[in-house]
Amino acid sequence: MESFTKTKLTTEQQNNLVGATFGSHVSINRSTELTGGYFNAAYDLLLSDGRAMILKIAPSDETDTLNYEQDIMSVEVTAMRLMKSKGTVPVPEVYAYDNSKEMISSEFFFMEKIVGQPYNEIKEELSLQQRISIEEELGRYSRLINEIPGERFGLFSASTLVKGNSWREVFKHLIINLLEDARRLKAEMPIPLENVEAEIISRLHVMDVVTEPRLIHWDLWDGNVFVREGRIVALIDWERALWGDPLMEYYFRYIENSEHFCRGYGNSFDSPNECARKKLYDLYIDLIYFIEYYSRKYDSQGHLKWARDNLLEGWKRFMN
């Protein structure tokens, strides 16, 4: 989808990055823009030496992003390198990362091209048994991710201000910052921000049981799960990784609620406290879907209507 946050590059600019990174003797034979993402720009490259790889470019510093999206490319690269070193979950290899902003005004990196298809693009074509197998496997991988402990709660980036000694404190900061984004971007909220903030804060005591920071991918929707021959071959887009509560993972949201995922994970998390935490995370993601529209400026009024209707439905669920 077209988004205001995407930093588009000409073929000449891409060639300059390739030459500076891999040597002046290497150039691009073919470049295809990848349009499935919503935030970064990305290109599928075939180089003159026969290598295929992905070039990913962050928004420029001048782009008005949400608070939690600061330093986001550094997060993605660091998280993928961490997972690659663990060897427990399939992730693309990062070939090179440049945050100098000397060649272009944005950070960028080159990574391995995964041979496979996003799960969301083939899901409906698969048999029930194939979908069950993939979602159970995703549950097992998510469990392995969430078993990695952190030293603190907060966003993955060491430079972020959103960190703290308790998960309750950190999640409160995430909420307040998001609502401040809504005010700054002049989002036309269908629910008064004061009501949203008050209702959320009144329920934050349920977070006190979360005492150990765990690695969370947080964006493992079907489009970020690459599949080949009925198996998961890569989990991508780690830029929203954080140290927090495993129940924040996407497949625990009401949107999916897959029993197969939970079976693979080994837990369905349905105690009263766990359900209360999941409702808070459900509303948080619904708020993001709506507020981010005003930052990304999608070329679709239909998307804004969907996000608004989705938030209103989410608010009803939250208040019941």
C-alpha atoms as a PDB file:
ATOM      1  CA  MET A   1       0.000   0.000   0.000  1.00  0.00           C
ATOM      2  CA  GLU A   2       1.162   3.541  -0.718  1.00  0.00           C
ATOM      3  CA  SER A   3       2.194   5.265   2.501  1.00  0.00           C
ATOM      4  CA  PHE A   4       3.650   8.708   3.217  1.00  0.00           C
ATOM      5  CA  THR A   5       6.348   7.088   5.368  1.00  0.00           C
ATOM      6  CA  LYS A   6       7.967   5.181   2.485  1.00  0.00           C
ATOM      7  CA  THR A   7      11.274   6.544   1.183  1.00  0.00           C
ATOM      8  CA  LYS A   8      11.262   5.703  -2.531  1.00  0.00           C
ATOM      9  CA  LEU A   9      14.585   5.434  -4.371  1.00  0.00           C
ATOM     10  CA  THR A  10      15.394   5.667  -8.060  1.00  0.00           C
ATOM     11  CA  THR A  11      17.272   2.813  -9.705  1.00  0.00           C
ATOM     12  CA  GLU A  12      20.341   5.054  -9.805  1.00  0.00           C
ATOM     13  CA  GLN A  13      20.143   5.652  -6.047  1.00  0.00           C
ATOM     14  CA  GLN A  14      19.739   1.925  -5.421  1.00  0.00           C
ATOM     15  CA  ASN A  15      22.761   1.221  -7.624  1.00  0.00           C
ATOM     16  CA  ASN A  16      24.809   3.728  -5.657  1.00  0.00           C
ATOM     17  CA  LEU A  17      23.957   1.933  -2.403  1.00  0.00           C
ATOM     18  CA  VAL A  18      24.792  -1.456  -3.909  1.00  0.00           C
ATOM     19  CA  GLY A  19      28.135  -0.242  -5.264  1.00  0.00           C
ATOM     20  CA  ALA A  20      29.120   1.430  -2.003  1.00  0.00           C
ATOM     21  CA  THR A  21      28.168  -1.648   0.019  1.00  0.00           C
ATOM     22  CA  PHE A  22      29.339  -4.566  -2.129  1.00  0.00           C
ATOM     23  CA  GLY A  23      31.939  -2.966  -4.406  1.00  0.00           C
ATOM     24  CA  SER A  24      31.884  -0.809  -7.512  1.00  0.00           C
ATOM     25  CA  HIS A  25      32.027  -3.921  -9.721  1.00  0.00           C
ATOM     26  CA  VAL A  26      28.545  -4.953  -8.505  1.00  0.00           C
ATOM     27  CA  SER A  27      25.386  -3.403  -9.946  1.00  0.00           C
ATOM     28  CA  ILE A  28      21.663  -4.106 -10.180  1.00  0.00           C
ATOM     29  CA  ASN A  29      20.345  -6.245 -13.029  1.00  0.00           C
ATOM     30  CA  ARG A  30      16.739  -6.042 -11.849  1.00  0.00           C
ATOM     31  CA  SER A  31      14.848  -4.112  -9.172  1.00  0.00           C
ATOM     32  CA  THR A  32      11.218  -4.644  -8.205  1.00  0.00           C
ATOM     33  CA  GLU A  33       9.494  -2.562  -5.561  1.00  0.00           C
ATOM     34  CA  LEU A  34       7.753  -4.624  -2.878  1.00  0.00           C
ATOM     35  CA  THR A  35       4.380  -3.052  -2.168  1.00  0.00           C
ATOM     36  CA  GLY A  36       3.027  -5.340   0.546  1.00  0.00           C
ATOM     37  CA  GLY A  37       4.467  -3.369   3.469  1.00  0.00           C
ATOM     38  CA  TYR A  38       2.918  -0.358   5.174  1.00  0.00           C
ATOM     39  CA  PHE A  39       5.888   1.531   6.645  1.00  0.00           C
ATOM     40  CA  ASN A  40       9.317   1.023   5.048  1.00  0.00           C
ATOM     41  CA  ALA A  41      10.150   1.013   1.353  1.00  0.00           C
ATOM     42  CA  ALA A  42      11.619  -2.248   0.061  1.00  0.00           C
ATOM     43  CA  TYR A  43      13.062  -3.538  -3.206  1.00  0.00           C
ATOM     44  CA  ASP A  44      13.681  -7.053  -4.497  1.00  0.00           C
ATOM     45  CA  LEU A  45      17.088  -6.919  -6.180  1.00  0.00           C
ATOM     46  CA  LEU A  46      18.945  -9.232  -8.540  1.00  0.00           C
ATOM     47  CA  LEU A  47      22.603  -8.189  -8.637  1.00  0.00           C
ATOM     48  CA  SER A  48      25.092  -8.518 -11.476  1.00  0.00           C
ATOM     49  CA  ASP A  49      27.015 -11.191  -9.543  1.00  0.00           C
ATOM     50  CA  GLY A  50      23.894 -13.378  -9.402  1.00  0.00           C
ATOM     51  CA  ARG A  51      22.911 -12.694  -5.809  1.00  0.00           C
ATOM     52  CA  ALA A  52      19.284 -11.968  -4.953  1.00  0.00           C
ATOM     53  CA  MET A  53      18.519  -9.832  -1.910  1.00  0.00           C
ATOM     54  CA  ILE A  54      16.147  -7.320  -0.376  1.00  0.00           C
ATOM     55  CA  LEU A  55      16.967  -3.638   0.122  1.00  0.00           C
ATOM     56  CA  LYS A  56      14.925  -2.004   2.877  1.00  0.00           C
ATOM     57  CA  ILE A  57      14.842   1.758   3.501  1.00  0.00           C
ATOM     58  CA  ALA A  58      13.565   3.479   6.641  1.00  0.00           C
ATOM     59  CA  PRO A  59      11.524   6.697   6.626  1.00  0.00           C
ATOM     60  CA  SER A  60      13.618   9.866   6.676  1.00  0.00           C
ATOM     61  CA  ASP A  61      14.042  11.845   9.889  1.00  0.00           C
ATOM     62  CA  GLU A  62      11.615  14.452   8.551  1.00  0.00           C
ATOM     63  CA  THR A  63       8.786  11.912   8.309  1.00  0.00           C
ATOM     64  CA  ASP A  64       6.192  12.318  11.047  1.00  0.00           C
ATOM     65  CA  THR A  65       6.006   8.823  12.546  1.00  0.00           C
ATOM     66  CA  LEU A  66       4.427   7.568  15.752  1.00  0.00           C
ATOM     67  CA  ASN A  67       6.406   7.821  18.980  1.00  0.00           C
ATOM     68  CA  TYR A  68       7.036   4.088  19.304  1.00  0.00           C
ATOM     69  CA  GLU A  69       8.369   3.971  15.731  1.00  0.00           C
ATOM     70  CA  GLN A  70      11.517   5.947  16.540  1.00  0.00           C
ATOM     71  CA  ASP A  71      14.807   4.170  15.806  1.00  0.00           C
ATOM     72  CA  ILE A  72      12.770   1.414  14.212  1.00  0.00           C
ATOM     73  CA  MET A  73      15.252   0.125  11.622  1.00  0.00           C
ATOM     74  CA  SER A  74      17.984  -0.305  14.223  1.00  0.00           C
ATOM     75  CA  VAL A  75      15.498  -2.375  16.221  1.00  0.00           C
ATOM     76  CA  GLU A  76      14.763  -4.632  13.265  1.00  0.00           C
ATOM     77  CA  VAL A  77      18.406  -5.274  12.419  1.00  0.00           C
ATOM     78  CA  THR A  78      19.424  -5.872  16.037  1.00  0.00           C
ATOM     79  CA  ALA A  79      16.491  -8.202  16.693  1.00  0.00           C
ATOM     80  CA  MET A  80      17.108 -10.257  13.545  1.00  0.00           C
ATOM     81  CA  ARG A  81      20.793 -10.581  14.329  1.00  0.00           C
ATOM     82  CA  LEU A  82      19.932 -11.691  17.856  1.00  0.00           C
ATOM     83  CA  MET A  83      17.544 -14.353  16.571  1.00  0.00           C
ATOM     84  CA  LYS A  84      20.028 -15.478  13.928  1.00  0.00           C
ATOM     85  CA  SER A  85      22.627 -15.981  16.650  1.00  0.00           C
ATOM     86  CA  LYS A  86      20.167 -18.043  18.705  1.00  0.00           C
ATOM     87  CA  GLY A  87      19.432 -20.353  15.779  1.00  0.00           C
ATOM     88  CA  THR A  88      16.031 -21.383  17.133  1.00  0.00           C
ATOM     89  CA  VAL A  89      13.747 -19.438  14.788  1.00  0.00           C
ATOM     90  CA  PRO A  90      14.142 -18.953  11.004  1.00  0.00           C
ATOM     91  CA  VAL A  91      14.957 -15.320  10.138  1.00  0.00           C
ATOM     92  CA  PRO A  92      16.631 -13.677   7.124  1.00  0.00           C
ATOM     93  CA  GLU A  93      20.334 -12.928   7.329  1.00  0.00           C
ATOM     94  CA  VAL A  94      21.280  -9.243   7.426  1.00  0.00           C
ATOM     95  CA  TYR A  95      24.105  -8.671   4.923  1.00  0.00           C
ATOM     96  CA  ALA A  96      24.795  -4.994   5.609  1.00  0.00           C
ATOM     97  CA  TYR A  97      23.265  -2.130   7.605  1.00  0.00           C
ATOM     98  CA  ASP A  98      24.029   1.582   7.202  1.00  0.00           C
ATOM     99  CA  ASN A  99      22.721   4.171   9.654  1.00  0.00           C
ATOM    100  CA  SER A 100      25.150   6.945   8.693  1.00  0.00           C
ATOM    101  CA  LYS A 101      22.646   8.732   6.397  1.00  0.00           C
ATOM    102  CA  GLU A 102      25.590   9.862   4.287  1.00  0.00           C
ATOM    103  CA  MET A 103      24.497   8.315   0.981  1.00  0.00           C
ATOM    104  CA  ILE A 104      20.779   8.927   1.451  1.00  0.00           C
ATOM    105  CA  SER A 105      18.798  10.676   4.189  1.00  0.00           C
ATOM    106  CA  SER A 106      17.532   7.374   5.617  1.00  0.00           C
ATOM    107  CA  GLU A 107      18.927   4.259   7.231  1.00  0.00           C
ATOM    108  CA  PHE A 108      18.917   1.152   5.040  1.00  0.00           C
ATOM    109  CA  PHE A 109      19.950  -2.480   5.075  1.00  0.00           C
ATOM    110  CA  PHE A 110      20.378  -5.402   2.702  1.00  0.00           C
ATOM    111  CA  MET A 111      19.081  -8.799   3.742  1.00  0.00           C
ATOM    112  CA  GLU A 112      18.634 -12.315   2.460  1.00  0.00           C
ATOM    113  CA  LYS A 113      15.766 -12.882   0.043  1.00  0.00           C
ATOM    114  CA  ILE A 114      13.532 -15.636   1.360  1.00  0.00           C
ATOM    115  CA  VAL A 115      12.255 -18.226  -1.095  1.00  0.00           C
ATOM    116  CA  GLY A 116       8.651 -18.630  -0.062  1.00  0.00           C
ATOM    117  CA  GLN A 117       5.318 -16.823   0.115  1.00  0.00           C
ATOM    118  CA  PRO A 118       3.658 -14.754   2.826  1.00  0.00           C
ATOM    119  CA  TYR A 119       1.113 -16.901   4.637  1.00  0.00           C
ATOM    120  CA  ASN A 120      -1.665 -14.345   4.076  1.00  0.00           C
ATOM    121  CA  GLU A 121      -1.281 -14.657   0.294  1.00  0.00           C
ATOM    122  CA  ILE A 122      -1.746 -18.439   0.174  1.00  0.00           C
ATOM    123  CA  LYS A 123      -3.763 -19.186   3.311  1.00  0.00           C
ATOM    124  CA  GLU A 124      -7.088 -19.618   1.531  1.00  0.00           C
ATOM    125  CA  GLU A 125      -5.550 -22.001  -1.008  1.00  0.00           C
ATOM    126  CA  LEU A 126      -4.249 -24.392   1.644  1.00  0.00           C
ATOM    127  CA  SER A 127      -6.078 -27.356   3.101  1.00  0.00           C
ATOM    128  CA  LEU A 128      -7.323 -27.223   6.672  1.00  0.00           C
ATOM    129  CA  GLN A 129      -4.626 -29.664   7.745  1.00  0.00           C
ATOM    130  CA  GLN A 130      -1.908 -27.515   6.154  1.00  0.00           C
ATOM    131  CA  ARG A 131      -3.193 -24.397   7.957  1.00  0.00           C
ATOM    132  CA  ILE A 132      -3.349 -26.276  11.246  1.00  0.00           C
ATOM    133  CA  SER A 133       0.244 -27.454  10.800  1.00  0.00           C
ATOM    134  CA  ILE A 134       1.538 -23.961   9.946  1.00  0.00           C
ATOM    135  CA  GLU A 135      -0.269 -22.265  12.824  1.00  0.00           C
ATOM    136  CA  GLU A 136       0.897 -24.888  15.317  1.00  0.00           C
ATOM    137  CA  GLU A 137       4.448 -24.359  14.048  1.00  0.00           C
ATOM    138  CA  LEU A 138       3.998 -20.592  14.424  1.00  0.00           C
ATOM    139  CA  GLY A 139       2.879 -21.168  18.005  1.00  0.00           C
ATOM    140  CA  ARG A 140       6.030 -23.174  18.729  1.00  0.00           C
ATOM    141  CA  TYR A 141       8.259 -20.501  17.194  1.00  0.00           C
ATOM    142  CA  SER A 142       6.471 -17.748  19.101  1.00  0.00           C
ATOM    143  CA  ARG A 143       7.055 -19.635  22.339  1.00  0.00           C
ATOM    144  CA  LEU A 144      10.781 -19.863  21.541  1.00  0.00           C
ATOM    145  CA  ILE A 145      10.908 -16.113  20.892  1.00  0.00           C
ATOM    146  CA  ASN A 146       9.057 -15.337  24.110  1.00  0.00           C
ATOM    147  CA  GLU A 147      11.363 -17.558  26.162  1.00  0.00           C
ATOM    148  CA  ILE A 148      14.241 -15.131  25.556  1.00  0.00           C
ATOM    149  CA  PRO A 149      14.565 -12.986  28.714  1.00  0.00           C
ATOM    150  CA  GLY A 150      15.416  -9.296  28.779  1.00  0.00           C
ATOM    151  CA  GLU A 151      17.097  -7.062  31.327  1.00  0.00           C
ATOM    152  CA  ARG A 152      14.319  -4.466  31.349  1.00  0.00           C
ATOM    153  CA  PHE A 153      10.817  -3.805  30.110  1.00  0.00           C
ATOM    154  CA  GLY A 154      10.328  -1.497  27.136  1.00  0.00           C
ATOM    155  CA  LEU A 155      10.866  -1.074  23.435  1.00  0.00           C
ATOM    156  CA  PHE A 156      13.773  -3.056  22.035  1.00  0.00           C
ATOM    157  CA  SER A 157      15.927  -0.050  21.185  1.00  0.00           C
ATOM    158  CA  ALA A 158      18.403   0.864  23.907  1.00  0.00           C
ATOM    159  CA  SER A 159      17.990   4.554  23.044  1.00  0.00           C
ATOM    160  CA  THR A 160      14.240   4.726  23.572  1.00  0.00           C
ATOM    161  CA  LEU A 161      12.692   6.583  26.480  1.00  0.00           C
ATOM    162  CA  VAL A 162       9.942   3.960  26.718  1.00  0.00           C
ATOM    163  CA  LYS A 163      11.481   1.657  29.272  1.00  0.00           C
ATOM    164  CA  GLY A 164      11.043   1.020  32.959  1.00  0.00           C
ATOM    165  CA  ASN A 165      11.258  -1.333  35.893  1.00  0.00           C
ATOM    166  CA  SER A 166       7.678  -2.574  35.653  1.00  0.00           C
ATOM    167  CA  TRP A 167       5.529  -3.693  32.749  1.00  0.00           C
ATOM    168  CA  ARG A 168       2.643  -1.655  34.140  1.00  0.00           C
ATOM    169  CA  GLU A 169       4.753   1.514  33.946  1.00  0.00           C
ATOM    170  CA  VAL A 170       5.995   0.771  30.432  1.00  0.00           C
ATOM    171  CA  PHE A 171       2.582  -0.086  29.008  1.00  0.00           C
ATOM    172  CA  LYS A 172       1.152   3.089  30.531  1.00  0.00           C
ATOM    173  CA  HIS A 173       3.871   5.074  28.732  1.00  0.00           C
ATOM    174  CA  LEU A 174       3.069   3.301  25.464  1.00  0.00           C
ATOM    175  CA  ILE A 175      -0.602   4.236  25.802  1.00  0.00           C
ATOM    176  CA  ILE A 176       0.021   7.852  26.814  1.00  0.00           C
ATOM    177  CA  ASN A 177       2.534   8.338  23.991  1.00  0.00           C
ATOM    178  CA  LEU A 178       0.102   6.902  21.453  1.00  0.00           C
ATOM    179  CA  LEU A 179      -2.687   9.211  22.610  1.00  0.00           C
ATOM    180  CA  GLU A 180      -0.263  12.135  22.413  1.00  0.00           C
ATOM    181  CA  ASP A 181       0.447  11.068  18.832  1.00  0.00           C
ATOM    182  CA  ALA A 182      -3.286  11.291  18.162  1.00  0.00           C
ATOM    183  CA  ARG A 183      -3.391  14.842  19.510  1.00  0.00           C
ATOM    184  CA  ARG A 184      -0.268  15.918  17.614  1.00  0.00           C
ATOM    185  CA  LEU A 185      -1.497  14.433  14.335  1.00  0.00           C
ATOM    186  CA  LYS A 186      -5.005  15.841  14.904  1.00  0.00           C
ATOM    187  CA  ALA A 187      -6.576  12.427  14.496  1.00  0.00           C
ATOM    188  CA  GLU A 188     -10.373  12.679  14.329  1.00  0.00           C
ATOM    189  CA  MET A 189     -10.990  10.211  17.133  1.00  0.00           C
ATOM    190  CA  PRO A 190     -14.456   8.609  17.266  1.00  0.00           C
ATOM    191  CA  ILE A 191     -14.041   8.291  21.066  1.00  0.00           C
ATOM    192  CA  PRO A 192     -12.849  11.150  23.321  1.00  0.00           C
ATOM    193  CA  LEU A 193      -9.171  10.660  24.143  1.00  0.00           C
ATOM    194  CA  GLU A 194      -9.799  11.517  27.795  1.00  0.00           C
ATOM    195  CA  ASN A 195     -12.265   8.628  28.057  1.00  0.00           C
ATOM    196  CA  VAL A 196      -9.862   6.205  26.406  1.00  0.00           C
ATOM    197  CA  GLU A 197      -6.991   7.172  28.700  1.00  0.00           C
ATOM    198  CA  ALA A 198      -9.084   7.022  31.872  1.00  0.00           C
ATOM    199  CA  GLU A 199     -10.599   3.617  31.099  1.00  0.00           C
ATOM    200  CA  ILE A 200      -7.247   2.076  30.206  1.00  0.00           C
ATOM    201  CA  ILE A 201      -5.384   3.454  33.219  1.00  0.00           C
ATOM    202  CA  SER A 202      -8.119   2.230  35.563  1.00  0.00           C
ATOM    203  CA  ARG A 203      -7.398  -1.335  34.402  1.00  0.00           C
ATOM    204  CA  LEU A 204      -3.591  -1.323  34.425  1.00  0.00           C
ATOM    205  CA  HIS A 205      -3.349  -3.102  37.785  1.00  0.00           C
ATOM    206  CA  VAL A 206      -3.755  -6.397  35.884  1.00  0.00           C
ATOM    207  CA  MET A 207      -0.240  -5.860  34.489  1.00  0.00           C
ATOM    208  CA  ASP A 208       1.390  -6.272  37.890  1.00  0.00           C
ATOM    209  CA  VAL A 209       1.587 -10.060  37.470  1.00  0.00           C
ATOM    210  CA  VAL A 210       4.001  -9.595  34.541  1.00  0.00           C
ATOM    211  CA  THR A 211       7.351  -9.511  36.315  1.00  0.00           C
ATOM    212  CA  GLU A 212       9.820 -10.932  33.750  1.00  0.00           C
ATOM    213  CA  PRO A 213      10.648  -9.043  30.527  1.00  0.00           C
ATOM    214  CA  ARG A 214      10.385 -11.359  27.531  1.00  0.00           C
ATOM    215  CA  LEU A 215      11.211 -10.796  23.879  1.00  0.00           C
ATOM    216  CA  ILE A 216       8.083 -10.035  21.859  1.00  0.00           C
ATOM    217  CA  HIS A 217       7.962  -9.844  18.058  1.00  0.00           C
ATOM    218  CA  TRP A 218       4.543  -8.123  18.268  1.00  0.00           C
ATOM    219  CA  ASP A 219       3.883  -8.016  14.516  1.00  0.00           C
ATOM    220  CA  LEU A 220       3.651 -11.680  13.542  1.00  0.00           C
ATOM    221  CA  TRP A 221       0.559 -11.331  11.390  1.00  0.00           C
ATOM    222  CA  ASP A 222       0.240 -13.716   8.457  1.00  0.00           C
ATOM    223  CA  GLY A 223       2.013 -11.342   6.049  1.00  0.00           C
ATOM    224  CA  ASN A 224       5.195 -11.585   8.119  1.00  0.00           C
ATOM    225  CA  VAL A 225       5.219 -15.392   8.124  1.00  0.00           C
ATOM    226  CA  PHE A 226       6.910 -16.850   5.027  1.00  0.00           C
ATOM    227  CA  VAL A 227       5.899 -20.365   4.031  1.00  0.00           C
ATOM    228  CA  ARG A 228       7.245 -22.901   1.551  1.00  0.00           C
ATOM    229  CA  GLU A 229       5.944 -26.443   0.989  1.00  0.00           C
ATOM    230  CA  GLY A 230       3.724 -26.288   4.051  1.00  0.00           C
ATOM    231  CA  ARG A 231       6.454 -25.171   6.460  1.00  0.00           C
ATOM    232  CA  ILE A 232       7.488 -21.811   7.899  1.00  0.00           C
ATOM    233  CA  VAL A 233      10.801 -20.727   6.367  1.00  0.00           C
ATOM    234  CA  ALA A 234      11.156 -17.225   7.857  1.00  0.00           C
ATOM    235  CA  LEU A 235       9.648 -14.726  10.271  1.00  0.00           C
ATOM    236  CA  ILE A 236      10.256 -11.170   9.054  1.00  0.00           C
ATOM    237  CA  ASP A 237       9.674  -7.509  10.026  1.00  0.00           C
ATOM    238  CA  TRP A 238      11.124  -7.385  13.531  1.00  0.00           C
ATOM    239  CA  GLU A 239      11.105  -3.581  13.814  1.00  0.00           C
ATOM    240  CA  ARG A 240       8.410  -3.496  16.501  1.00  0.00           C
ATOM    241  CA  ALA A 241      10.145  -5.933  18.837  1.00  0.00           C
ATOM    242  CA  LEU A 242      10.002  -5.125  22.542  1.00  0.00           C
ATOM    243  CA  TRP A 243      10.611  -6.569  25.992  1.00  0.00           C
ATOM    244  CA  GLY A 244       7.284  -7.208  27.646  1.00  0.00           C
ATOM    245  CA  ASP A 245       4.344  -9.567  28.078  1.00  0.00           C
ATOM    246  CA  PRO A 246       4.088 -12.516  25.635  1.00  0.00           C
ATOM    247  CA  LEU A 247       0.329 -11.963  25.481  1.00  0.00           C
ATOM    248  CA  MET A 248       1.028  -8.936  23.258  1.00  0.00           C
ATOM    249  CA  GLU A 249       1.874 -11.259  20.350  1.00  0.00           C
ATOM    250  CA  TYR A 250      -0.376 -10.781  17.332  1.00  0.00           C
ATOM    251  CA  TYR A 251      -1.830 -14.291  17.269  1.00  0.00           C
ATOM    252  CA  PHE A 252      -3.244 -13.774  20.775  1.00  0.00           C
ATOM    253  CA  ARG A 253      -5.337 -10.866  19.443  1.00  0.00           C
ATOM    254  CA  TYR A 254      -9.055 -11.258  18.825  1.00  0.00           C
ATOM    255  CA  ILE A 255      -8.284 -10.914  15.101  1.00  0.00           C
ATOM    256  CA  GLU A 256      -6.793 -14.415  14.961  1.00  0.00           C
ATOM    257  CA  ASN A 257      -7.635 -16.295  18.153  1.00  0.00           C
ATOM    258  CA  SER A 258      -6.318 -19.524  16.600  1.00  0.00           C
ATOM    259  CA  GLU A 259      -6.686 -22.653  18.706  1.00  0.00           C
ATOM    260  CA  HIS A 260      -4.006 -24.290  16.543  1.00  0.00           C
ATOM    261  CA  PHE A 261      -1.522 -21.526  17.381  1.00  0.00           C
ATOM    262  CA  CYS A 262      -2.314 -21.879  21.092  1.00  0.00           C
ATOM    263  CA  ARG A 263      -1.837 -25.643  20.910  1.00  0.00           C
ATOM    264  CA  GLY A 264       1.587 -25.158  19.337  1.00  0.00           C
ATOM    265  CA  TYR A 265       2.435 -22.496  21.894  1.00  0.00           C
ATOM    266  CA  GLY A 266       1.342 -24.769  24.723  1.00  0.00           C
ATOM    267  CA  ASN A 267      -1.090 -22.384  26.413  1.00  0.00           C
ATOM    268  CA  SER A 268      -4.370 -20.654  25.544  1.00  0.00           C
ATOM    269  CA  PHE A 269      -4.060 -18.036  28.343  1.00  0.00           C
ATOM    270  CA  ASP A 270      -7.695 -17.816  29.389  1.00  0.00           C
ATOM    271  CA  SER A 271      -7.553 -17.002  33.119  1.00  0.00           C
ATOM    272  CA  PRO A 272      -9.487 -13.856  34.186  1.00  0.00           C
ATOM    273  CA  ASN A 273      -6.251 -11.870  34.522  1.00  0.00           C
ATOM    274  CA  GLU A 274      -4.907 -13.071  31.174  1.00  0.00           C
ATOM    275  CA  CYS A 275      -8.178 -12.240  29.432  1.00  0.00           C
ATOM    276  CA  ALA A 276      -8.115  -8.748  30.965  1.00  0.00           C
ATOM    277  CA  ARG A 277      -4.571  -8.175  29.705  1.00  0.00           C
ATOM    278  CA  LYS A 278      -5.489  -9.421  26.236  1.00  0.00           C
ATOM    279  CA  LYS A 279      -8.393  -6.945  26.112  1.00  0.00           C
ATOM    280  CA  LEU A 280      -5.974  -4.093  26.830  1.00  0.00           C
ATOM    281  CA  TYR A 281      -3.618  -5.261  24.077  1.00  0.00           C
ATOM    282  CA  ASP A 282      -6.567  -5.674  21.693  1.00  0.00           C
ATOM    283  CA  LEU A 283      -7.596  -2.064  22.236  1.00  0.00           C
ATOM    284  CA  TYR A 284      -4.004  -0.860  21.943  1.00  0.00           C
ATOM    285  CA  ILE A 285      -3.619  -2.373  18.480  1.00  0.00           C
ATOM    286  CA  ASP A 286      -7.026  -1.034  17.400  1.00  0.00           C
ATOM    287  CA  LEU A 287      -5.912   2.449  18.470  1.00  0.00           C
ATOM    288  CA  ILE A 288      -2.684   2.081  16.487  1.00  0.00           C
ATOM    289  CA  TYR A 289      -4.550   0.983  13.352  1.00  0.00           C
ATOM    290  CA  PHE A 290      -6.594   4.190  13.492  1.00  0.00           C
ATOM    291  CA  ILE A 291      -4.013   6.744  14.649  1.00  0.00           C
ATOM    292  CA  GLU A 292      -1.246   5.584  12.297  1.00  0.00           C
ATOM    293  CA  TYR A 293      -3.437   6.524   9.324  1.00  0.00           C
ATOM    294  CA  TYR A 294      -2.790  10.190  10.106  1.00  0.00           C
ATOM    295  CA  SER A 295       0.968   9.601  10.037  1.00  0.00           C
ATOM    296  CA  ARG A 296       1.190   7.333   7.019  1.00  0.00           C
ATOM    297  CA  LYS A 297      -1.459   9.164   4.972  1.00  0.00           C
ATOM    298  CA  TYR A 298      -2.526   6.038   3.106  1.00  0.00           C
ATOM    299  CA  ASP A 299      -3.941   6.646  -0.355  1.00  0.00           C
ATOM    300  CA  SER A 300      -7.228   5.030   0.655  1.00  0.00           C
ATOM    301  CA  GLN A 301     -10.232   6.586   2.377  1.00  0.00           C
ATOM    302  CA  GLY A 302     -11.581   3.065   2.604  1.00  0.00           C
ATOM    303  CA  HIS A 303      -8.738   2.187   4.967  1.00  0.00           C
ATOM    304  CA  LEU A 304      -9.639   5.100   7.242  1.00  0.00           C
ATOM    305  CA  LYS A 305     -13.274   3.987   7.361  1.00  0.00           C
ATOM    306  CA  TRP A 306     -12.195   0.432   8.174  1.00  0.00           C
ATOM    307  CA  ALA A 307      -9.847   1.635  10.941  1.00  0.00           C
ATOM    308  CA  ARG A 308     -12.546   3.879  12.428  1.00  0.00           C
ATOM    309  CA  ASP A 309     -15.215   1.161  12.389  1.00  0.00           C
ATOM    310  CA  ASN A 310     -12.705  -1.341  13.776  1.00  0.00           C
ATOM    311  CA  LEU A 311     -11.836   0.996  16.662  1.00  0.00           C
ATOM    312  CA  LEU A 312     -15.492   1.541  17.528  1.00  0.00           C
ATOM    313  CA  GLU A 313     -16.093  -2.218  17.572  1.00  0.00           C
ATOM    314  CA  GLY A 314     -12.947  -2.698  19.646  1.00  0.00           C
ATOM    315  CA  TRP A 315     -14.117  -0.089  22.136  1.00  0.00           C
ATOM    316  CA  LYS A 316     -17.416  -1.927  22.552  1.00  0.00           C
ATOM    317  CA  ARG A 317     -15.571  -5.184  23.243  1.00  0.00           C
ATOM    318  CA  PHE A 318     -13.261  -3.444  25.683  1.00  0.00           C
ATOM    319  CA  MET A 319     -16.095  -1.871  27.668  1.00  0.00           C
ATOM    320  CA  ASN A 320     -18.152  -5.076  27.900  1.00  0.00           C
END
